[in-house]
mmCIF file of all heavy atoms, coordinates in Angstrom:
data_MODEL
# 
_entry.id   MODEL 
# 
loop_
_atom_site.group_PDB 
_atom_site.id 
_atom_site.type_symbol 
_atom_site.label_atom_id 
_atom_site.label_alt_id 
_atom_site.label_comp_id 
_atom_site.label_asym_id 
_atom_site.label_entity_id 
_atom_site.label_seq_id 
_atom_site.pdbx_PDB_ins_code 
_atom_site.Cartn_x 
_atom_site.Cartn_y 
_atom_site.Cartn_z 
_atom_site.occupancy 
_atom_site.B_iso_or_equiv 
_atom_site.pdbx_formal_charge 
_atom_site.auth_seq_id 
_atom_site.auth_comp_id 
_atom_site.auth_asym_id 
_atom_site.auth_atom_id 
_atom_site.pdbx_PDB_model_num 
ATOM 1   N N   . TRP A 1 1  ? -17.490 -6.995  -3.316  1.00 0.00 ? 1  TRP A N   1 
ATOM 2   C CA  . TRP A 1 1  ? -16.656 -6.182  -2.437  1.00 0.00 ? 1  TRP A CA  1 
ATOM 3   C C   . TRP A 1 1  ? -16.651 -4.755  -2.960  1.00 0.00 ? 1  TRP A C   1 
ATOM 4   O O   . TRP A 1 1  ? -16.393 -4.519  -4.145  1.00 0.00 ? 1  TRP A O   1 
ATOM 5   C CB  . TRP A 1 1  ? -15.220 -6.703  -2.381  1.00 0.00 ? 1  TRP A CB  1 
ATOM 6   C CG  . TRP A 1 1  ? -15.042 -7.953  -1.578  1.00 0.00 ? 1  TRP A CG  1 
ATOM 7   C CD1 . TRP A 1 1  ? -15.008 -9.231  -2.041  1.00 0.00 ? 1  TRP A CD1 1 
ATOM 8   C CD2 . TRP A 1 1  ? -14.860 -8.034  -0.159  1.00 0.00 ? 1  TRP A CD2 1 
ATOM 9   N NE1 . TRP A 1 1  ? -14.810 -10.109 -1.004  1.00 0.00 ? 1  TRP A NE1 1 
ATOM 10  C CE2 . TRP A 1 1  ? -14.721 -9.398  0.168   1.00 0.00 ? 1  TRP A CE2 1 
ATOM 11  C CE3 . TRP A 1 1  ? -14.797 -7.090  0.868   1.00 0.00 ? 1  TRP A CE3 1 
ATOM 12  C CZ2 . TRP A 1 1  ? -14.522 -9.839  1.470   1.00 0.00 ? 1  TRP A CZ2 1 
ATOM 13  C CZ3 . TRP A 1 1  ? -14.606 -7.534  2.163   1.00 0.00 ? 1  TRP A CZ3 1 
ATOM 14  C CH2 . TRP A 1 1  ? -14.471 -8.889  2.447   1.00 0.00 ? 1  TRP A CH2 1 
ATOM 15  N N   . PHE A 1 2  ? -16.934 -3.818  -2.074  1.00 0.00 ? 2  PHE A N   1 
ATOM 16  C CA  . PHE A 1 2  ? -16.871 -2.395  -2.362  1.00 0.00 ? 2  PHE A CA  1 
ATOM 17  C C   . PHE A 1 2  ? -15.890 -1.747  -1.401  1.00 0.00 ? 2  PHE A C   1 
ATOM 18  O O   . PHE A 1 2  ? -15.555 -2.316  -0.357  1.00 0.00 ? 2  PHE A O   1 
ATOM 19  C CB  . PHE A 1 2  ? -18.244 -1.746  -2.206  1.00 0.00 ? 2  PHE A CB  1 
ATOM 20  C CG  . PHE A 1 2  ? -19.246 -2.133  -3.260  1.00 0.00 ? 2  PHE A CG  1 
ATOM 21  C CD1 . PHE A 1 2  ? -19.841 -3.382  -3.259  1.00 0.00 ? 2  PHE A CD1 1 
ATOM 22  C CD2 . PHE A 1 2  ? -19.591 -1.235  -4.259  1.00 0.00 ? 2  PHE A CD2 1 
ATOM 23  C CE1 . PHE A 1 2  ? -20.761 -3.737  -4.218  1.00 0.00 ? 2  PHE A CE1 1 
ATOM 24  C CE2 . PHE A 1 2  ? -20.520 -1.572  -5.230  1.00 0.00 ? 2  PHE A CE2 1 
ATOM 25  C CZ  . PHE A 1 2  ? -21.098 -2.827  -5.208  1.00 0.00 ? 2  PHE A CZ  1 
ATOM 26  N N   . ARG A 1 3  ? -15.445 -0.545  -1.748  1.00 0.00 ? 3  ARG A N   1 
ATOM 27  C CA  . ARG A 1 3  ? -14.567 0.181   -0.848  1.00 0.00 ? 3  ARG A CA  1 
ATOM 28  C C   . ARG A 1 3  ? -14.915 1.664   -0.873  1.00 0.00 ? 3  ARG A C   1 
ATOM 29  O O   . ARG A 1 3  ? -15.432 2.184   -1.855  1.00 0.00 ? 3  ARG A O   1 
ATOM 30  C CB  . ARG A 1 3  ? -13.098 -0.031  -1.205  1.00 0.00 ? 3  ARG A CB  1 
ATOM 31  C CG  . ARG A 1 3  ? -12.682 0.532   -2.556  1.00 0.00 ? 3  ARG A CG  1 
ATOM 32  C CD  . ARG A 1 3  ? -11.261 0.099   -2.888  1.00 0.00 ? 3  ARG A CD  1 
ATOM 33  N NE  . ARG A 1 3  ? -10.757 0.725   -4.092  1.00 0.00 ? 3  ARG A NE  1 
ATOM 34  C CZ  . ARG A 1 3  ? -9.569  0.475   -4.619  1.00 0.00 ? 3  ARG A CZ  1 
ATOM 35  N NH1 . ARG A 1 3  ? -8.747  -0.400  -4.038  1.00 0.00 ? 3  ARG A NH1 1 
ATOM 36  N NH2 . ARG A 1 3  ? -9.189  1.104   -5.732  1.00 0.00 ? 3  ARG A NH2 1 
ATOM 37  N N   . GLN A 1 4  ? -14.613 2.327   0.225   1.00 0.00 ? 4  GLN A N   1 
ATOM 38  C CA  . GLN A 1 4  ? -14.876 3.747   0.340   1.00 0.00 ? 4  GLN A CA  1 
ATOM 39  C C   . GLN A 1 4  ? -13.714 4.421   1.051   1.00 0.00 ? 4  GLN A C   1 
ATOM 40  O O   . GLN A 1 4  ? -13.432 4.126   2.217   1.00 0.00 ? 4  GLN A O   1 
ATOM 41  C CB  . GLN A 1 4  ? -16.185 4.004   1.087   1.00 0.00 ? 4  GLN A CB  1 
ATOM 42  C CG  . GLN A 1 4  ? -16.617 5.460   1.065   1.00 0.00 ? 4  GLN A CG  1 
ATOM 43  C CD  . GLN A 1 4  ? -18.062 5.632   1.490   1.00 0.00 ? 4  GLN A CD  1 
ATOM 44  O OE1 . GLN A 1 4  ? -18.623 4.801   2.193   1.00 0.00 ? 4  GLN A OE1 1 
ATOM 45  N NE2 . GLN A 1 4  ? -18.679 6.716   1.050   1.00 0.00 ? 4  GLN A NE2 1 
ATOM 46  N N   . ALA A 1 5  ? -13.056 5.317   0.347   1.00 0.00 ? 5  ALA A N   1 
ATOM 47  C CA  . ALA A 1 5  ? -11.962 6.094   0.898   1.00 0.00 ? 5  ALA A CA  1 
ATOM 48  C C   . ALA A 1 5  ? -12.495 7.414   1.446   1.00 0.00 ? 5  ALA A C   1 
ATOM 49  O O   . ALA A 1 5  ? -13.556 7.886   1.020   1.00 0.00 ? 5  ALA A O   1 
ATOM 50  C CB  . ALA A 1 5  ? -10.902 6.357   -0.169  1.00 0.00 ? 5  ALA A CB  1 
ATOM 51  N N   . PRO A 1 6  ? -11.774 8.041   2.381   1.00 0.00 ? 6  PRO A N   1 
ATOM 52  C CA  . PRO A 1 6  ? -12.228 9.326   2.920   1.00 0.00 ? 6  PRO A CA  1 
ATOM 53  C C   . PRO A 1 6  ? -12.455 10.353  1.823   1.00 0.00 ? 6  PRO A C   1 
ATOM 54  O O   . PRO A 1 6  ? -11.607 10.544  0.947   1.00 0.00 ? 6  PRO A O   1 
ATOM 55  C CB  . PRO A 1 6  ? -11.082 9.742   3.846   1.00 0.00 ? 6  PRO A CB  1 
ATOM 56  C CG  . PRO A 1 6  ? -10.451 8.455   4.249   1.00 0.00 ? 6  PRO A CG  1 
ATOM 57  C CD  . PRO A 1 6  ? -10.542 7.575   3.040   1.00 0.00 ? 6  PRO A CD  1 
ATOM 58  N N   . GLY A 1 7  ? -13.612 11.003  1.858   1.00 0.00 ? 7  GLY A N   1 
ATOM 59  C CA  . GLY A 1 7  ? -13.940 12.029  0.885   1.00 0.00 ? 7  GLY A CA  1 
ATOM 60  C C   . GLY A 1 7  ? -14.367 11.518  -0.471  1.00 0.00 ? 7  GLY A C   1 
ATOM 61  O O   . GLY A 1 7  ? -14.594 12.333  -1.379  1.00 0.00 ? 7  GLY A O   1 
ATOM 62  N N   . LYS A 1 8  ? -14.478 10.216  -0.642  1.00 0.00 ? 8  LYS A N   1 
ATOM 63  C CA  . LYS A 1 8  ? -14.857 9.641   -1.922  1.00 0.00 ? 8  LYS A CA  1 
ATOM 64  C C   . LYS A 1 8  ? -16.131 8.815   -1.796  1.00 0.00 ? 8  LYS A C   1 
ATOM 65  O O   . LYS A 1 8  ? -16.507 8.374   -0.719  1.00 0.00 ? 8  LYS A O   1 
ATOM 66  C CB  . LYS A 1 8  ? -13.733 8.771   -2.486  1.00 0.00 ? 8  LYS A CB  1 
ATOM 67  C CG  . LYS A 1 8  ? -12.476 9.520   -2.884  1.00 0.00 ? 8  LYS A CG  1 
ATOM 68  C CD  . LYS A 1 8  ? -11.494 8.594   -3.578  1.00 0.00 ? 8  LYS A CD  1 
ATOM 69  C CE  . LYS A 1 8  ? -10.276 9.341   -4.071  1.00 0.00 ? 8  LYS A CE  1 
ATOM 70  N NZ  . LYS A 1 8  ? -9.332  8.435   -4.772  1.00 0.00 ? 8  LYS A NZ  1 
ATOM 71  N N   . GLU A 1 9  ? -16.782 8.613   -2.932  1.00 0.00 ? 9  GLU A N   1 
ATOM 72  C CA  . GLU A 1 9  ? -17.978 7.784   -2.998  1.00 0.00 ? 9  GLU A CA  1 
ATOM 73  C C   . GLU A 1 9  ? -17.593 6.312   -2.935  1.00 0.00 ? 9  GLU A C   1 
ATOM 74  O O   . GLU A 1 9  ? -16.502 5.914   -3.352  1.00 0.00 ? 9  GLU A O   1 
ATOM 75  C CB  . GLU A 1 9  ? -18.731 8.087   -4.288  1.00 0.00 ? 9  GLU A CB  1 
ATOM 76  C CG  . GLU A 1 9  ? -20.115 7.481   -4.376  1.00 0.00 ? 9  GLU A CG  1 
ATOM 77  C CD  . GLU A 1 9  ? -20.874 7.958   -5.600  1.00 0.00 ? 9  GLU A CD  1 
ATOM 78  O OE1 . GLU A 1 9  ? -20.508 9.019   -6.144  1.00 0.00 ? 9  GLU A OE1 1 
ATOM 79  O OE2 . GLU A 1 9  ? -21.822 7.275   -6.009  1.00 0.00 ? 9  GLU A OE2 1 
ATOM 80  N N   . ARG A 1 10 ? -18.489 5.503   -2.414  1.00 0.00 ? 10 ARG A N   1 
ATOM 81  C CA  . ARG A 1 10 ? -18.265 4.070   -2.397  1.00 0.00 ? 10 ARG A CA  1 
ATOM 82  C C   . ARG A 1 10 ? -18.155 3.544   -3.823  1.00 0.00 ? 10 ARG A C   1 
ATOM 83  O O   . ARG A 1 10 ? -18.961 3.883   -4.693  1.00 0.00 ? 10 ARG A O   1 
ATOM 84  C CB  . ARG A 1 10 ? -19.407 3.378   -1.652  1.00 0.00 ? 10 ARG A CB  1 
ATOM 85  C CG  . ARG A 1 10 ? -19.200 1.893   -1.441  1.00 0.00 ? 10 ARG A CG  1 
ATOM 86  C CD  . ARG A 1 10 ? -20.296 1.311   -0.563  1.00 0.00 ? 10 ARG A CD  1 
ATOM 87  N NE  . ARG A 1 10 ? -20.321 1.936   0.747   1.00 0.00 ? 10 ARG A NE  1 
ATOM 88  C CZ  . ARG A 1 10 ? -21.100 1.551   1.744   1.00 0.00 ? 10 ARG A CZ  1 
ATOM 89  N NH1 . ARG A 1 10 ? -21.928 0.524   1.591   1.00 0.00 ? 10 ARG A NH1 1 
ATOM 90  N NH2 . ARG A 1 10 ? -21.060 2.195   2.905   1.00 0.00 ? 10 ARG A NH2 1 
ATOM 91  N N   . GLU A 1 11 ? -17.143 2.714   -4.078  1.00 0.00 ? 11 GLU A N   1 
ATOM 92  C CA  . GLU A 1 11 ? -16.917 2.207   -5.415  1.00 0.00 ? 11 GLU A CA  1 
ATOM 93  C C   . GLU A 1 11 ? -16.834 0.691   -5.425  1.00 0.00 ? 11 GLU A C   1 
ATOM 94  O O   . GLU A 1 11 ? -16.384 0.062   -4.470  1.00 0.00 ? 11 GLU A O   1 
ATOM 95  C CB  . GLU A 1 11 ? -15.641 2.804   -6.024  1.00 0.00 ? 11 GLU A CB  1 
ATOM 96  C CG  . GLU A 1 11 ? -14.362 2.387   -5.333  1.00 0.00 ? 11 GLU A CG  1 
ATOM 97  C CD  . GLU A 1 11 ? -13.118 2.873   -6.053  1.00 0.00 ? 11 GLU A CD  1 
ATOM 98  O OE1 . GLU A 1 11 ? -13.230 3.413   -7.174  1.00 0.00 ? 11 GLU A OE1 1 
ATOM 99  O OE2 . GLU A 1 11 ? -12.012 2.711   -5.496  1.00 0.00 ? 11 GLU A OE2 1 
ATOM 100 N N   . PHE A 1 12 ? -17.243 0.129   -6.549  1.00 0.00 ? 12 PHE A N   1 
ATOM 101 C CA  . PHE A 1 12 ? -17.197 -1.315  -6.748  1.00 0.00 ? 12 PHE A CA  1 
ATOM 102 C C   . PHE A 1 12 ? -15.768 -1.780  -6.924  1.00 0.00 ? 12 PHE A C   1 
ATOM 103 O O   . PHE A 1 12 ? -14.968 -1.133  -7.605  1.00 0.00 ? 12 PHE A O   1 
ATOM 104 C CB  . PHE A 1 12 ? -18.023 -1.678  -7.982  1.00 0.00 ? 12 PHE A CB  1 
ATOM 105 C CG  . PHE A 1 12 ? -17.860 -3.096  -8.433  1.00 0.00 ? 12 PHE A CG  1 
ATOM 106 C CD1 . PHE A 1 12 ? -18.510 -4.124  -7.771  1.00 0.00 ? 12 PHE A CD1 1 
ATOM 107 C CD2 . PHE A 1 12 ? -17.055 -3.409  -9.510  1.00 0.00 ? 12 PHE A CD2 1 
ATOM 108 C CE1 . PHE A 1 12 ? -18.364 -5.438  -8.179  1.00 0.00 ? 12 PHE A CE1 1 
ATOM 109 C CE2 . PHE A 1 12 ? -16.902 -4.716  -9.931  1.00 0.00 ? 12 PHE A CE2 1 
ATOM 110 C CZ  . PHE A 1 12 ? -17.562 -5.729  -9.255  1.00 0.00 ? 12 PHE A CZ  1 
ATOM 111 N N   . GLY A 1 13 ? -15.453 -2.933  -6.318  1.00 0.00 ? 13 GLY A N   1 
ATOM 112 C CA  . GLY A 1 13 ? -14.139 -3.524  -6.487  1.00 0.00 ? 13 GLY A CA  1 
ATOM 113 C C   . GLY A 1 13 ? -14.159 -4.845  -7.224  1.00 0.00 ? 13 GLY A C   1 
ATOM 114 O O   . GLY A 1 13 ? -13.477 -5.011  -8.237  1.00 0.00 ? 13 GLY A O   1 
ATOM 115 N N   . ALA A 1 14 ? -14.958 -5.798  -6.732  1.00 0.00 ? 14 ALA A N   1 
ATOM 116 C CA  . ALA A 1 14 ? -14.997 -7.128  -7.325  1.00 0.00 ? 14 ALA A CA  1 
ATOM 117 C C   . ALA A 1 14 ? -16.321 -7.801  -7.006  1.00 0.00 ? 14 ALA A C   1 
ATOM 118 O O   . ALA A 1 14 ? -16.918 -7.545  -5.959  1.00 0.00 ? 14 ALA A O   1 
ATOM 119 C CB  . ALA A 1 14 ? -13.845 -7.993  -6.804  1.00 0.00 ? 14 ALA A CB  1 
ATOM 120 N N   . GLY A 1 15 ? -16.778 -8.679  -7.903  1.00 0.00 ? 15 GLY A N   1 
ATOM 121 C CA  . GLY A 1 15 ? -18.004 -9.422  -7.695  1.00 0.00 ? 15 GLY A CA  1 
ATOM 122 C C   . GLY A 1 15 ? -17.859 -10.854 -8.158  1.00 0.00 ? 15 GLY A C   1 
ATOM 123 O O   . GLY A 1 15 ? -17.013 -11.163 -9.003  1.00 0.00 ? 15 GLY A O   1 
ATOM 124 N N   . ILE A 1 16 ? -18.702 -11.732 -7.617  1.00 0.00 ? 16 ILE A N   1 
ATOM 125 C CA  . ILE A 1 16 ? -18.631 -13.154 -7.931  1.00 0.00 ? 16 ILE A CA  1 
ATOM 126 C C   . ILE A 1 16 ? -20.036 -13.737 -7.937  1.00 0.00 ? 16 ILE A C   1 
ATOM 127 O O   . ILE A 1 16 ? -20.878 -13.371 -7.116  1.00 0.00 ? 16 ILE A O   1 
ATOM 128 C CB  . ILE A 1 16 ? -17.702 -13.883 -6.931  1.00 0.00 ? 16 ILE A CB  1 
ATOM 129 C CG1 . ILE A 1 16 ? -17.428 -15.318 -7.370  1.00 0.00 ? 16 ILE A CG1 1 
ATOM 130 C CG2 . ILE A 1 16 ? -18.280 -13.836 -5.517  1.00 0.00 ? 16 ILE A CG2 1 
ATOM 131 C CD1 . ILE A 1 16 ? -16.272 -15.961 -6.602  1.00 0.00 ? 16 ILE A CD1 1 
ATOM 132 N N   . SER A 1 17 ? -20.295 -14.651 -8.877  1.00 0.00 ? 17 SER A N   1 
ATOM 133 C CA  . SER A 1 17 ? -21.606 -15.262 -9.017  1.00 0.00 ? 17 SER A CA  1 
ATOM 134 C C   . SER A 1 17 ? -21.844 -16.298 -7.925  1.00 0.00 ? 17 SER A C   1 
ATOM 135 O O   . SER A 1 17 ? -20.950 -16.638 -7.152  1.00 0.00 ? 17 SER A O   1 
ATOM 136 C CB  . SER A 1 17 ? -21.747 -15.903 -10.395 1.00 0.00 ? 17 SER A CB  1 
ATOM 137 O OG  . SER A 1 17 ? -20.767 -16.910 -10.595 1.00 0.00 ? 17 SER A OG  1 
ATOM 138 N N   . TRP A 1 18 ? -23.056 -16.837 -7.901  1.00 0.00 ? 18 TRP A N   1 
ATOM 139 C CA  . TRP A 1 18 ? -23.492 -17.697 -6.798  1.00 0.00 ? 18 TRP A CA  1 
ATOM 140 C C   . TRP A 1 18 ? -22.605 -18.915 -6.598  1.00 0.00 ? 18 TRP A C   1 
ATOM 141 O O   . TRP A 1 18 ? -22.410 -19.368 -5.461  1.00 0.00 ? 18 TRP A O   1 
ATOM 142 C CB  . TRP A 1 18 ? -24.939 -18.135 -7.012  1.00 0.00 ? 18 TRP A CB  1 
ATOM 143 C CG  . TRP A 1 18 ? -25.115 -19.075 -8.180  1.00 0.00 ? 18 TRP A CG  1 
ATOM 144 C CD1 . TRP A 1 18 ? -25.310 -18.740 -9.486  1.00 0.00 ? 18 TRP A CD1 1 
ATOM 145 C CD2 . TRP A 1 18 ? -25.106 -20.499 -8.132  1.00 0.00 ? 18 TRP A CD2 1 
ATOM 146 N NE1 . TRP A 1 18 ? -25.425 -19.870 -10.260 1.00 0.00 ? 18 TRP A NE1 1 
ATOM 147 C CE2 . TRP A 1 18 ? -25.300 -20.956 -9.450  1.00 0.00 ? 18 TRP A CE2 1 
ATOM 148 C CE3 . TRP A 1 18 ? -24.960 -21.433 -7.106  1.00 0.00 ? 18 TRP A CE3 1 
ATOM 149 C CZ2 . TRP A 1 18 ? -25.345 -22.317 -9.774  1.00 0.00 ? 18 TRP A CZ2 1 
ATOM 150 C CZ3 . TRP A 1 18 ? -24.999 -22.786 -7.426  1.00 0.00 ? 18 TRP A CZ3 1 
ATOM 151 C CH2 . TRP A 1 18 ? -25.190 -23.216 -8.744  1.00 0.00 ? 18 TRP A CH2 1 
ATOM 152 N N   . ASN A 1 19 ? -22.076 -19.470 -7.697  1.00 0.00 ? 19 ASN A N   1 
ATOM 153 C CA  . ASN A 1 19 ? -21.253 -20.674 -7.604  1.00 0.00 ? 19 ASN A CA  1 
ATOM 154 C C   . ASN A 1 19 ? -19.774 -20.397 -7.862  1.00 0.00 ? 19 ASN A C   1 
ATOM 155 O O   . ASN A 1 19 ? -18.987 -21.335 -7.965  1.00 0.00 ? 19 ASN A O   1 
ATOM 156 C CB  . ASN A 1 19 ? -21.758 -21.730 -8.581  1.00 0.00 ? 19 ASN A CB  1 
ATOM 157 C CG  . ASN A 1 19 ? -21.647 -21.302 -10.030 1.00 0.00 ? 19 ASN A CG  1 
ATOM 158 O OD1 . ASN A 1 19 ? -21.376 -20.142 -10.336 1.00 0.00 ? 19 ASN A OD1 1 
ATOM 159 N ND2 . ASN A 1 19 ? -21.872 -22.250 -10.940 1.00 0.00 ? 19 ASN A ND2 1 
ATOM 160 N N   . GLY A 1 20 ? -19.416 -19.140 -7.974  1.00 0.00 ? 20 GLY A N   1 
ATOM 161 C CA  . GLY A 1 20 ? -18.034 -18.776 -8.244  1.00 0.00 ? 20 GLY A CA  1 
ATOM 162 C C   . GLY A 1 20 ? -17.609 -18.914 -9.684  1.00 0.00 ? 20 GLY A C   1 
ATOM 163 O O   . GLY A 1 20 ? -16.432 -18.711 -9.995  1.00 0.00 ? 20 GLY A O   1 
ATOM 164 N N   . GLY A 1 21 ? -18.547 -19.245 -10.584 1.00 0.00 ? 21 GLY A N   1 
ATOM 165 C CA  . GLY A 1 21 ? -18.193 -19.473 -11.967 1.00 0.00 ? 21 GLY A CA  1 
ATOM 166 C C   . GLY A 1 21 ? -17.884 -18.222 -12.765 1.00 0.00 ? 21 GLY A C   1 
ATOM 167 O O   . GLY A 1 21 ? -17.225 -18.312 -13.805 1.00 0.00 ? 21 GLY A O   1 
ATOM 168 N N   . SER A 1 22 ? -18.351 -17.076 -12.307 1.00 0.00 ? 22 SER A N   1 
ATOM 169 C CA  . SER A 1 22 ? -18.120 -15.816 -12.998 1.00 0.00 ? 22 SER A CA  1 
ATOM 170 C C   . SER A 1 22 ? -17.625 -14.783 -12.007 1.00 0.00 ? 22 SER A C   1 
ATOM 171 O O   . SER A 1 22 ? -18.119 -14.711 -10.879 1.00 0.00 ? 22 SER A O   1 
ATOM 172 C CB  . SER A 1 22 ? -19.398 -15.314 -13.667 1.00 0.00 ? 22 SER A CB  1 
ATOM 173 O OG  . SER A 1 22 ? -19.860 -16.221 -14.649 1.00 0.00 ? 22 SER A OG  1 
ATOM 174 N N   . THR A 1 23 ? -16.664 -13.982 -12.434 1.00 0.00 ? 23 THR A N   1 
ATOM 175 C CA  . THR A 1 23 ? -16.149 -12.883 -11.625 1.00 0.00 ? 23 THR A CA  1 
ATOM 176 C C   . THR A 1 23 ? -16.028 -11.635 -12.476 1.00 0.00 ? 23 THR A C   1 
ATOM 177 O O   . THR A 1 23 ? -15.914 -11.709 -13.704 1.00 0.00 ? 23 THR A O   1 
ATOM 178 C CB  . THR A 1 23 ? -14.779 -13.216 -11.015 1.00 0.00 ? 23 THR A CB  1 
ATOM 179 O OG1 . THR A 1 23 ? -13.850 -13.519 -12.060 1.00 0.00 ? 23 THR A OG1 1 
ATOM 180 C CG2 . THR A 1 23 ? -14.879 -14.401 -10.069 1.00 0.00 ? 23 THR A CG2 1 
ATOM 181 N N   . VAL A 1 24 ? -16.048 -10.489 -11.825 1.00 0.00 ? 24 VAL A N   1 
ATOM 182 C CA  . VAL A 1 24 ? -15.862 -9.222  -12.503 1.00 0.00 ? 24 VAL A CA  1 
ATOM 183 C C   . VAL A 1 24 ? -15.079 -8.304  -11.574 1.00 0.00 ? 24 VAL A C   1 
ATOM 184 O O   . VAL A 1 24 ? -15.259 -8.341  -10.351 1.00 0.00 ? 24 VAL A O   1 
ATOM 185 C CB  . VAL A 1 24 ? -17.212 -8.599  -12.923 1.00 0.00 ? 24 VAL A CB  1 
ATOM 186 C CG1 . VAL A 1 24 ? -18.079 -8.294  -11.716 1.00 0.00 ? 24 VAL A CG1 1 
ATOM 187 C CG2 . VAL A 1 24 ? -17.003 -7.355  -13.767 1.00 0.00 ? 24 VAL A CG2 1 
# 
């Protein structure tokens, strides 16, 4: 999941591995 606010660059929010075993 990424997000982009007005006037800002797109930024990383959260990530998850193929089986859900790892998140960041």
